[in-house]
Amino acid sequence: MTRLERKMSTSRHLVSFTRRFQVLLVRWSKAMLYQNRIKERRGQLRMTQLKLSQLSGISRSAIAEIEEGKHAPSVYMALDLAQALGVTVEWLFSTP
C-alpha cells in the first residue's frame, strides 16, 4: 500500500468515525431533551406500564418510548399521563 493510499484509507475511517459519533451525539442529546419522571412515579405507585396505559388511554409501547426518551409526548399525552399519575405536567417532565 502506498503512502497516499494509507492516507486516504485513514481519512475515510476518520470520516466514518466522525459520522457515527455525530449520530450518537444527536441520539444522546435528544434523550436528554425528553427526560421525564414517569418511571420514577410509576415505581412510587407500584404501577406497571400496562396499568398506566389503561388509566391514561395511551398505548404501553408509547409509554415505554416516552420513558426511555425516544419520543416526546404531545401536550394531550402529557396531560393524560400526569392526571393518571396524580402529578403536574411540570413535575413529570422536570429533572429529578
PDB file of N, CA and C in Angstrom:
ATOM      1  N   MET A   1       0.862  -1.173   0.000  1.00  0.00           N
ATOM      2  CA  MET A   1       0.000   0.000   0.000  1.00  0.00           C
ATOM      3  C   MET A   1       0.907   1.234   0.000  1.00  0.00           C
ATOM      4  N   THR A   2       0.601   2.133  -0.887  1.00  0.00           N
ATOM      5  CA  THR A   2       1.413   3.346  -0.974  1.00  0.00           C
ATOM      6  C   THR A   2       1.045   4.312   0.139  1.00  0.00           C
ATOM      7  N   ARG A   3       1.891   5.275   0.293  1.00  0.00           N
ATOM      8  CA  ARG A   3       1.675   6.282   1.339  1.00  0.00           C
ATOM      9  C   ARG A   3       0.354   7.028   1.115  1.00  0.00           C
ATOM     10  N   LEU A   4       0.064   7.361  -0.135  1.00  0.00           N
ATOM     11  CA  LEU A   4      -1.172   8.063  -0.474  1.00  0.00           C
ATOM     12  C   LEU A   4      -2.393   7.198  -0.174  1.00  0.00           C
ATOM     13  N   GLU A   5      -2.319   5.910  -0.496  1.00  0.00           N
ATOM     14  CA  GLU A   5      -3.440   5.002  -0.223  1.00  0.00           C
ATOM     15  C   GLU A   5      -3.693   4.865   1.279  1.00  0.00           C
ATOM     16  N   ARG A   6      -2.605   4.780   2.068  1.00  0.00           N
ATOM     17  CA  ARG A   6      -2.758   4.707   3.520  1.00  0.00           C
ATOM     18  C   ARG A   6      -3.413   5.976   4.059  1.00  0.00           C
ATOM     19  N   LYS A   7      -2.985   7.104   3.540  1.00  0.00           N
ATOM     20  CA  LYS A   7      -3.536   8.386   3.990  1.00  0.00           C
ATOM     21  C   LYS A   7      -5.025   8.481   3.654  1.00  0.00           C
ATOM     22  N   MET A   8      -5.399   8.034   2.447  1.00  0.00           N
ATOM     23  CA  MET A   8      -6.804   8.086   2.036  1.00  0.00           C
ATOM     24  C   MET A   8      -7.638   7.118   2.868  1.00  0.00           C
ATOM     25  N   SER A   9      -7.084   5.938   3.154  1.00  0.00           N
ATOM     26  CA  SER A   9      -7.801   4.956   3.964  1.00  0.00           C
ATOM     27  C   SER A   9      -8.037   5.494   5.369  1.00  0.00           C
ATOM     28  N   THR A  10      -7.018   6.095   5.951  1.00  0.00           N
ATOM     29  CA  THR A  10      -7.141   6.690   7.282  1.00  0.00           C
ATOM     30  C   THR A  10      -8.165   7.809   7.263  1.00  0.00           C
ATOM     31  N   SER A  11      -8.159   8.577   6.230  1.00  0.00           N
ATOM     32  CA  SER A  11      -9.094   9.688   6.087  1.00  0.00           C
ATOM     33  C   SER A  11     -10.538   9.168   6.029  1.00  0.00           C
ATOM     34  N   ARG A  12     -10.758   8.091   5.287  1.00  0.00           N
ATOM     35  CA  ARG A  12     -12.103   7.508   5.191  1.00  0.00           C
ATOM     36  C   ARG A  12     -12.566   6.965   6.534  1.00  0.00           C
ATOM     37  N   HIS A  13     -11.666   6.322   7.259  1.00  0.00           N
ATOM     38  CA  HIS A  13     -12.017   5.805   8.583  1.00  0.00           C
ATOM     39  C   HIS A  13     -12.373   6.939   9.530  1.00  0.00           C
ATOM     40  N   LEU A  14     -11.637   8.019   9.437  1.00  0.00           N
ATOM     41  CA  LEU A  14     -11.908   9.170  10.299  1.00  0.00           C
ATOM     42  C   LEU A  14     -13.271   9.775   9.976  1.00  0.00           C
ATOM     43  N   VAL A  15     -13.595   9.888   8.707  1.00  0.00           N
ATOM     44  CA  VAL A  15     -14.896  10.426   8.301  1.00  0.00           C
ATOM     45  C   VAL A  15     -16.007   9.499   8.787  1.00  0.00           C
ATOM     46  N   SER A  16     -15.810   8.190   8.646  1.00  0.00           N
ATOM     47  CA  SER A  16     -16.804   7.224   9.094  1.00  0.00           C
ATOM     48  C   SER A  16     -17.001   7.315  10.605  1.00  0.00           C
ATOM     49  N   PHE A  17     -15.910   7.392  11.345  1.00  0.00           N
ATOM     50  CA  PHE A  17     -15.994   7.512  12.800  1.00  0.00           C
ATOM     51  C   PHE A  17     -16.707   8.800  13.189  1.00  0.00           C
ATOM     52  N   THR A  18     -16.382   9.888  12.531  1.00  0.00           N
ATOM     53  CA  THR A  18     -16.988  11.182  12.835  1.00  0.00           C
ATOM     54  C   THR A  18     -18.490  11.129  12.613  1.00  0.00           C
ATOM     55  N   ARG A  19     -18.916  10.509  11.536  1.00  0.00           N
ATOM     56  CA  ARG A  19     -20.356  10.393  11.260  1.00  0.00           C
ATOM     57  C   ARG A  19     -21.056   9.567  12.334  1.00  0.00           C
ATOM     58  N   ARG A  20     -20.451   8.436  12.720  1.00  0.00           N
ATOM     59  CA  ARG A  20     -21.054   7.592  13.762  1.00  0.00           C
ATOM     60  C   ARG A  20     -21.127   8.349  15.083  1.00  0.00           C
ATOM     61  N   PHE A  21     -20.073   9.096  15.396  1.00  0.00           N
ATOM     62  CA  PHE A  21     -20.046   9.870  16.628  1.00  0.00           C
ATOM     63  C   PHE A  21     -21.145  10.934  16.614  1.00  0.00           C
ATOM     64  N   GLN A  22     -21.339  11.594  15.481  1.00  0.00           N
ATOM     65  CA  GLN A  22     -22.377  12.628  15.376  1.00  0.00           C
ATOM     66  C   GLN A  22     -23.764  12.024  15.579  1.00  0.00           C
ATOM     67  N   VAL A  23     -24.012  10.841  15.034  1.00  0.00           N
ATOM     68  CA  VAL A  23     -25.305  10.165  15.203  1.00  0.00           C
ATOM     69  C   VAL A  23     -25.532   9.859  16.678  1.00  0.00           C
ATOM     70  N   LEU A  24     -24.509   9.324  17.352  1.00  0.00           N
ATOM     71  CA  LEU A  24     -24.627   9.025  18.778  1.00  0.00           C
ATOM     72  C   LEU A  24     -24.864  10.287  19.592  1.00  0.00           C
ATOM     73  N   LEU A  25     -24.181  11.358  19.241  1.00  0.00           N
ATOM     74  CA  LEU A  25     -24.336  12.621  19.949  1.00  0.00           C
ATOM     75  C   LEU A  25     -25.753  13.165  19.798  1.00  0.00           C
ATOM     76  N   VAL A  26     -26.315  13.071  18.609  1.00  0.00           N
ATOM     77  CA  VAL A  26     -27.686  13.526  18.377  1.00  0.00           C
ATOM     78  C   VAL A  26     -28.663  12.684  19.186  1.00  0.00           C
ATOM     79  N   ARG A  27     -28.470  11.360  19.194  1.00  0.00           N
ATOM     80  CA  ARG A  27     -29.355  10.484  19.978  1.00  0.00           C
ATOM     81  C   ARG A  27     -29.271  10.819  21.459  1.00  0.00           C
ATOM     82  N   TRP A  28     -28.059  11.026  21.952  1.00  0.00           N
ATOM     83  CA  TRP A  28     -27.880  11.351  23.366  1.00  0.00           C
ATOM     84  C   TRP A  28     -28.541  12.680  23.703  1.00  0.00           C
ATOM     85  N   SER A  29     -28.360  13.682  22.848  1.00  0.00           N
ATOM     86  CA  SER A  29     -28.941  14.996  23.145  1.00  0.00           C
ATOM     87  C   SER A  29     -30.459  14.944  23.102  1.00  0.00           C
ATOM     88  N   LYS A  30     -31.021  14.149  22.199  1.00  0.00           N
ATOM     89  CA  LYS A  30     -32.480  14.013  22.161  1.00  0.00           C
ATOM     90  C   LYS A  30     -32.983  13.331  23.422  1.00  0.00           C
ATOM     91  N   ALA A  31     -32.270  12.320  23.859  1.00  0.00           N
ATOM     92  CA  ALA A  31     -32.670  11.634  25.088  1.00  0.00           C
ATOM     93  C   ALA A  31     -32.632  12.597  26.267  1.00  0.00           C
ATOM     94  N   MET A  32     -31.661  13.473  26.297  1.00  0.00           N
ATOM     95  CA  MET A  32     -31.559  14.437  27.386  1.00  0.00           C
ATOM     96  C   MET A  32     -32.693  15.457  27.307  1.00  0.00           C
ATOM     97  N   LEU A  33     -33.130  15.775  26.099  1.00  0.00           N
ATOM     98  CA  LEU A  33     -34.217  16.741  25.938  1.00  0.00           C
ATOM     99  C   LEU A  33     -35.536  16.203  26.469  1.00  0.00           C
ATOM    100  N   TYR A  34     -35.736  14.913  26.338  1.00  0.00           N
ATOM    101  CA  TYR A  34     -37.014  14.325  26.685  1.00  0.00           C
ATOM    102  C   TYR A  34     -36.987  13.582  28.014  1.00  0.00           C
ATOM    103  N   GLN A  35     -36.145  14.003  28.934  1.00  0.00           N
ATOM    104  CA  GLN A  35     -36.105  13.363  30.248  1.00  0.00           C
ATOM    105  C   GLN A  35     -37.443  13.553  30.946  1.00  0.00           C
ATOM    106  N   ASN A  36     -37.825  12.543  31.690  1.00  0.00           N
ATOM    107  CA  ASN A  36     -39.071  12.641  32.432  1.00  0.00           C
ATOM    108  C   ASN A  36     -38.990  11.765  33.673  1.00  0.00           C
ATOM    109  N   ARG A  37     -40.008  11.868  34.500  1.00  0.00           N
ATOM    110  CA  ARG A  37     -40.034  11.141  35.767  1.00  0.00           C
ATOM    111  C   ARG A  37     -41.179  10.126  35.819  1.00  0.00           C
ATOM    112  N   ILE A  38     -41.623   9.675  34.665  1.00  0.00           N
ATOM    113  CA  ILE A  38     -42.750   8.740  34.606  1.00  0.00           C
ATOM    114  C   ILE A  38     -42.412   7.438  35.323  1.00  0.00           C
ATOM    115  N   LYS A  39     -41.264   6.872  35.007  1.00  0.00           N
ATOM    116  CA  LYS A  39     -40.874   5.599  35.615  1.00  0.00           C
ATOM    117  C   LYS A  39     -40.720   5.748  37.137  1.00  0.00           C
ATOM    118  N   GLU A  40     -40.148   6.872  37.557  1.00  0.00           N
ATOM    119  CA  GLU A  40     -39.996   7.140  38.992  1.00  0.00           C
ATOM    120  C   GLU A  40     -41.355   7.145  39.690  1.00  0.00           C
ATOM    121  N   ARG A  41     -42.319   7.859  39.104  1.00  0.00           N
ATOM    122  CA  ARG A  41     -43.656   7.958  39.703  1.00  0.00           C
ATOM    123  C   ARG A  41     -44.379   6.618  39.663  1.00  0.00           C
ATOM    124  N   ARG A  42     -44.230   5.877  38.564  1.00  0.00           N
ATOM    125  CA  ARG A  42     -44.847   4.546  38.489  1.00  0.00           C
ATOM    126  C   ARG A  42     -44.314   3.655  39.608  1.00  0.00           C
ATOM    127  N   GLY A  43     -43.012   3.767  39.870  1.00  0.00           N
ATOM    128  CA  GLY A  43     -42.405   2.982  40.939  1.00  0.00           C
ATOM    129  C   GLY A  43     -42.972   3.345  42.305  1.00  0.00           C
ATOM    130  N   GLN A  44     -43.179   4.639  42.526  1.00  0.00           N
ATOM    131  CA  GLN A  44     -43.760   5.086  43.797  1.00  0.00           C
ATOM    132  C   GLN A  44     -45.161   4.520  43.996  1.00  0.00           C
ATOM    133  N   LEU A  45     -45.894   4.432  42.906  1.00  0.00           N
ATOM    134  CA  LEU A  45     -47.278   3.934  42.964  1.00  0.00           C
ATOM    135  C   LEU A  45     -47.366   2.422  42.755  1.00  0.00           C
ATOM    136  N   ARG A  46     -46.216   1.783  42.500  1.00  0.00           N
ATOM    137  CA  ARG A  46     -46.173   0.350  42.170  1.00  0.00           C
ATOM    138  C   ARG A  46     -47.118   0.031  41.014  1.00  0.00           C
ATOM    139  N   MET A  47     -46.955   0.812  39.967  1.00  0.00           N
ATOM    140  CA  MET A  47     -47.840   0.706  38.809  1.00  0.00           C
ATOM    141  C   MET A  47     -47.047   0.207  37.596  1.00  0.00           C
ATOM    142  N   THR A  48     -47.623  -0.699  36.844  1.00  0.00           N
ATOM    143  CA  THR A  48     -46.979  -1.199  35.631  1.00  0.00           C
ATOM    144  C   THR A  48     -47.284  -0.258  34.469  1.00  0.00           C
ATOM    145  N   GLN A  49     -46.517  -0.434  33.401  1.00  0.00           N
ATOM    146  CA  GLN A  49     -46.798   0.347  32.191  1.00  0.00           C
ATOM    147  C   GLN A  49     -48.180  -0.002  31.654  1.00  0.00           C
ATOM    148  N   LEU A  50     -48.562  -1.262  31.786  1.00  0.00           N
ATOM    149  CA  LEU A  50     -49.880  -1.687  31.304  1.00  0.00           C
ATOM    150  C   LEU A  50     -50.996  -0.980  32.072  1.00  0.00           C
ATOM    151  N   LYS A  51     -50.873  -0.907  33.387  1.00  0.00           N
ATOM    152  CA  LYS A  51     -51.894  -0.232  34.201  1.00  0.00           C
ATOM    153  C   LYS A  51     -51.953   1.258  33.847  1.00  0.00           C
ATOM    154  N   LEU A  52     -50.773   1.887  33.690  1.00  0.00           N
ATOM    155  CA  LEU A  52     -50.738   3.299  33.298  1.00  0.00           C
ATOM    156  C   LEU A  52     -51.378   3.482  31.928  1.00  0.00           C
ATOM    157  N   SER A  53     -51.139   2.542  31.058  1.00  0.00           N
ATOM    158  CA  SER A  53     -51.744   2.578  29.721  1.00  0.00           C
ATOM    159  C   SER A  53     -53.266   2.558  29.810  1.00  0.00           C
ATOM    160  N   GLN A  54     -53.781   1.702  30.662  1.00  0.00           N
ATOM    161  CA  GLN A  54     -55.233   1.594  30.832  1.00  0.00           C
ATOM    162  C   GLN A  54     -55.822   2.862  31.447  1.00  0.00           C
ATOM    163  N   LEU A  55     -55.123   3.446  32.411  1.00  0.00           N
ATOM    164  CA  LEU A  55     -55.622   4.656  33.066  1.00  0.00           C
ATOM    165  C   LEU A  55     -55.540   5.897  32.179  1.00  0.00           C
ATOM    166  N   SER A  56     -54.501   5.969  31.347  1.00  0.00           N
ATOM    167  CA  SER A  56     -54.277   7.174  30.550  1.00  0.00           C
ATOM    168  C   SER A  56     -54.832   7.094  29.136  1.00  0.00           C
ATOM    169  N   GLY A  57     -55.083   5.883  28.658  1.00  0.00           N
ATOM    170  CA  GLY A  57     -55.554   5.728  27.282  1.00  0.00           C
ATOM    171  C   GLY A  57     -54.435   5.823  26.255  1.00  0.00           C
ATOM    172  N   ILE A  58     -53.200   5.698  26.703  1.00  0.00           N
ATOM    173  CA  ILE A  58     -52.021   5.753  25.827  1.00  0.00           C
ATOM    174  C   ILE A  58     -51.449   4.340  25.756  1.00  0.00           C
ATOM    175  N   SER A  59     -51.022   3.918  24.575  1.00  0.00           N
ATOM    176  CA  SER A  59     -50.524   2.547  24.428  1.00  0.00           C
ATOM    177  C   SER A  59     -49.296   2.306  25.306  1.00  0.00           C
ATOM    178  N   ARG A  60     -49.131   1.056  25.718  1.00  0.00           N
ATOM    179  CA  ARG A  60     -47.997   0.696  26.559  1.00  0.00           C
ATOM    180  C   ARG A  60     -46.678   0.950  25.855  1.00  0.00           C
ATOM    181  N   SER A  61     -46.622   0.666  24.542  1.00  0.00           N
ATOM    182  CA  SER A  61     -45.377   0.874  23.793  1.00  0.00           C
ATOM    183  C   SER A  61     -45.036   2.366  23.713  1.00  0.00           C
ATOM    184  N   ALA A  62     -46.047   3.220  23.582  1.00  0.00           N
ATOM    185  CA  ALA A  62     -45.798   4.667  23.557  1.00  0.00           C
ATOM    186  C   ALA A  62     -45.272   5.141  24.917  1.00  0.00           C
ATOM    187  N   ILE A  63     -45.831   4.587  25.987  1.00  0.00           N
ATOM    188  CA  ILE A  63     -45.358   4.943  27.328  1.00  0.00           C
ATOM    189  C   ILE A  63     -43.902   4.532  27.500  1.00  0.00           C
ATOM    190  N   ALA A  64     -43.561   3.338  27.028  1.00  0.00           N
ATOM    191  CA  ALA A  64     -42.175   2.863  27.123  1.00  0.00           C
ATOM    192  C   ALA A  64     -41.226   3.785  26.367  1.00  0.00           C
ATOM    193  N   GLU A  65     -41.612   4.208  25.170  1.00  0.00           N
ATOM    194  CA  GLU A  65     -40.771   5.106  24.372  1.00  0.00           C
ATOM    195  C   GLU A  65     -40.630   6.476  25.026  1.00  0.00           C
ATOM    196  N   ILE A  66     -41.687   6.967  25.633  1.00  0.00           N
ATOM    197  CA  ILE A  66     -41.625   8.256  26.323  1.00  0.00           C
ATOM    198  C   ILE A  66     -40.712   8.145  27.538  1.00  0.00           C
ATOM    199  N   GLU A  67     -40.846   7.059  28.301  1.00  0.00           N
ATOM    200  CA  GLU A  67     -39.996   6.844  29.472  1.00  0.00           C
ATOM    201  C   GLU A  67     -38.523   6.797  29.093  1.00  0.00           C
ATOM    202  N   GLU A  68     -38.214   6.158  27.978  1.00  0.00           N
ATOM    203  CA  GLU A  68     -36.832   5.998  27.537  1.00  0.00           C
ATOM    204  C   GLU A  68     -36.287   7.245  26.853  1.00  0.00           C
ATOM    205  N   GLY A  69     -37.137   8.230  26.632  1.00  0.00           N
ATOM    206  CA  GLY A  69     -36.694   9.453  25.978  1.00  0.00           C
ATOM    207  C   GLY A  69     -36.596   9.343  24.474  1.00  0.00           C
ATOM    208  N   LYS A  70     -37.174   8.305  23.914  1.00  0.00           N
ATOM    209  CA  LYS A  70     -37.142   8.113  22.465  1.00  0.00           C
ATOM    210  C   LYS A  70     -38.237   8.904  21.758  1.00  0.00           C
ATOM    211  N   HIS A  71     -39.214   9.349  22.510  1.00  0.00           N
ATOM    212  CA  HIS A  71     -40.375  10.012  21.919  1.00  0.00           C
ATOM    213  C   HIS A  71     -40.819  11.142  22.848  1.00  0.00           C
ATOM    214  N   ALA A  72     -41.121  12.273  22.281  1.00  0.00           N
ATOM    215  CA  ALA A  72     -41.660  13.381  23.070  1.00  0.00           C
ATOM    216  C   ALA A  72     -43.181  13.323  22.995  1.00  0.00           C
ATOM    217  N   PRO A  73     -43.832  13.325  24.129  1.00  0.00           N
ATOM    218  CA  PRO A  73     -45.294  13.225  24.111  1.00  0.00           C
ATOM    219  C   PRO A  73     -45.937  14.529  23.651  1.00  0.00           C
ATOM    220  N   SER A  74     -47.114  14.410  23.091  1.00  0.00           N
ATOM    221  CA  SER A  74     -47.878  15.611  22.742  1.00  0.00           C
ATOM    222  C   SER A  74     -48.368  16.243  24.045  1.00  0.00           C
ATOM    223  N   VAL A  75     -48.899  17.428  23.945  1.00  0.00           N
ATOM    224  CA  VAL A  75     -49.433  18.108  25.126  1.00  0.00           C
ATOM    225  C   VAL A  75     -50.556  17.278  25.745  1.00  0.00           C
ATOM    226  N   TYR A  76     -51.404  16.722  24.903  1.00  0.00           N
ATOM    227  CA  TYR A  76     -52.525  15.927  25.393  1.00  0.00           C
ATOM    228  C   TYR A  76     -52.045  14.662  26.093  1.00  0.00           C
ATOM    229  N   MET A  77     -51.027  14.010  25.522  1.00  0.00           N
ATOM    230  CA  MET A  77     -50.472  12.813  26.155  1.00  0.00           C
ATOM    231  C   MET A  77     -49.863  13.167  27.506  1.00  0.00           C
ATOM    232  N   ALA A  78     -49.134  14.276  27.570  1.00  0.00           N
ATOM    233  CA  ALA A  78     -48.511  14.701  28.823  1.00  0.00           C
ATOM    234  C   ALA A  78     -49.571  14.966  29.886  1.00  0.00           C
ATOM    235  N   LEU A  79     -50.657  15.620  29.493  1.00  0.00           N
ATOM    236  CA  LEU A  79     -51.748  15.880  30.439  1.00  0.00           C
ATOM    237  C   LEU A  79     -52.389  14.581  30.921  1.00  0.00           C
ATOM    238  N   ASP A  80     -52.630  13.648  30.001  1.00  0.00           N
ATOM    239  CA  ASP A  80     -53.226  12.366  30.371  1.00  0.00           C
ATOM    240  C   ASP A  80     -52.312  11.579  31.314  1.00  0.00           C
ATOM    241  N   LEU A  81     -51.024  11.574  31.027  1.00  0.00           N
ATOM    242  CA  LEU A  81     -50.079  10.856  31.885  1.00  0.00           C
ATOM    243  C   LEU A  81     -50.023  11.477  33.279  1.00  0.00           C
ATOM    244  N   ALA A  82     -49.941  12.800  33.326  1.00  0.00           N
ATOM    245  CA  ALA A  82     -49.873  13.492  34.615  1.00  0.00           C
ATOM    246  C   ALA A  82     -51.126  13.218  35.444  1.00  0.00           C
ATOM    247  N   GLN A  83     -52.272  13.266  34.801  1.00  0.00           N
ATOM    248  CA  GLN A  83     -53.528  13.014  35.514  1.00  0.00           C
ATOM    249  C   GLN A  83     -53.579  11.571  36.035  1.00  0.00           C
ATOM    250  N   ALA A  84     -53.182  10.621  35.205  1.00  0.00           N
ATOM    251  CA  ALA A  84     -53.203   9.215  35.612  1.00  0.00           C
ATOM    252  C   ALA A  84     -52.227   8.942  36.757  1.00  0.00           C
ATOM    253  N   LEU A  85     -51.134   9.707  36.804  1.00  0.00           N
ATOM    254  CA  LEU A  85     -50.130   9.507  37.850  1.00  0.00           C
ATOM    255  C   LEU A  85     -50.343  10.417  39.063  1.00  0.00           C
ATOM    256  N   GLY A  86     -51.301  11.329  38.964  1.00  0.00           N
ATOM    257  CA  GLY A  86     -51.625  12.198  40.089  1.00  0.00           C
ATOM    258  C   GLY A  86     -50.581  13.265  40.380  1.00  0.00           C
ATOM    259  N   VAL A  87     -49.930  13.753  39.332  1.00  0.00           N
ATOM    260  CA  VAL A  87     -48.916  14.814  39.492  1.00  0.00           C
ATOM    261  C   VAL A  87     -49.152  15.889  38.430  1.00  0.00           C
ATOM    262  N   THR A  88     -48.396  16.958  38.508  1.00  0.00           N
ATOM    263  CA  THR A  88     -48.495  18.012  37.490  1.00  0.00           C
ATOM    264  C   THR A  88     -47.595  17.673  36.303  1.00  0.00           C
ATOM    265  N   VAL A  89     -47.901  18.240  35.165  1.00  0.00           N
ATOM    266  CA  VAL A  89     -47.082  18.055  33.980  1.00  0.00           C
ATOM    267  C   VAL A  89     -45.680  18.612  34.243  1.00  0.00           C
ATOM    268  N   GLU A  90     -45.623  19.738  34.926  1.00  0.00           N
ATOM    269  CA  GLU A  90     -44.326  20.365  35.220  1.00  0.00           C
ATOM    270  C   GLU A  90     -43.438  19.421  36.023  1.00  0.00           C
ATOM    271  N   TRP A  91     -44.007  18.775  37.039  1.00  0.00           N
ATOM    272  CA  TRP A  91     -43.211  17.847  37.857  1.00  0.00           C
ATOM    273  C   TRP A  91     -42.787  16.644  37.033  1.00  0.00           C
ATOM    274  N   LEU A  92     -43.708  16.133  36.239  1.00  0.00           N
ATOM    275  CA  LEU A  92     -43.448  14.922  35.463  1.00  0.00           C
ATOM    276  C   LEU A  92     -42.297  15.085  34.487  1.00  0.00           C
ATOM    277  N   PHE A  93     -42.177  16.283  33.920  1.00  0.00           N
ATOM    278  CA  PHE A  93     -41.138  16.492  32.900  1.00  0.00           C
ATOM    279  C   PHE A  93     -40.016  17.402  33.370  1.00  0.00           C
ATOM    280  N   SER A  94     -39.857  17.510  34.673  1.00  0.00           N
ATOM    281  CA  SER A  94     -38.713  18.252  35.217  1.00  0.00           C
ATOM    282  C   SER A  94     -37.602  17.260  35.521  1.00  0.00           C
ATOM    283  N   THR A  95     -36.401  17.766  35.687  1.00  0.00           N
ATOM    284  CA  THR A  95     -35.285  16.872  36.013  1.00  0.00           C
ATOM    285  C   THR A  95     -35.320  16.556  37.495  1.00  0.00           C
ATOM    286  N   PRO A  96     -35.090  15.304  37.827  1.00  0.00           N
ATOM    287  CA  PRO A  96     -35.140  14.892  39.245  1.00  0.00           C
ATOM    288  C   PRO A  96     -34.043  15.524  40.089  1.00  0.00           C
TER     289      PRO A  96
END
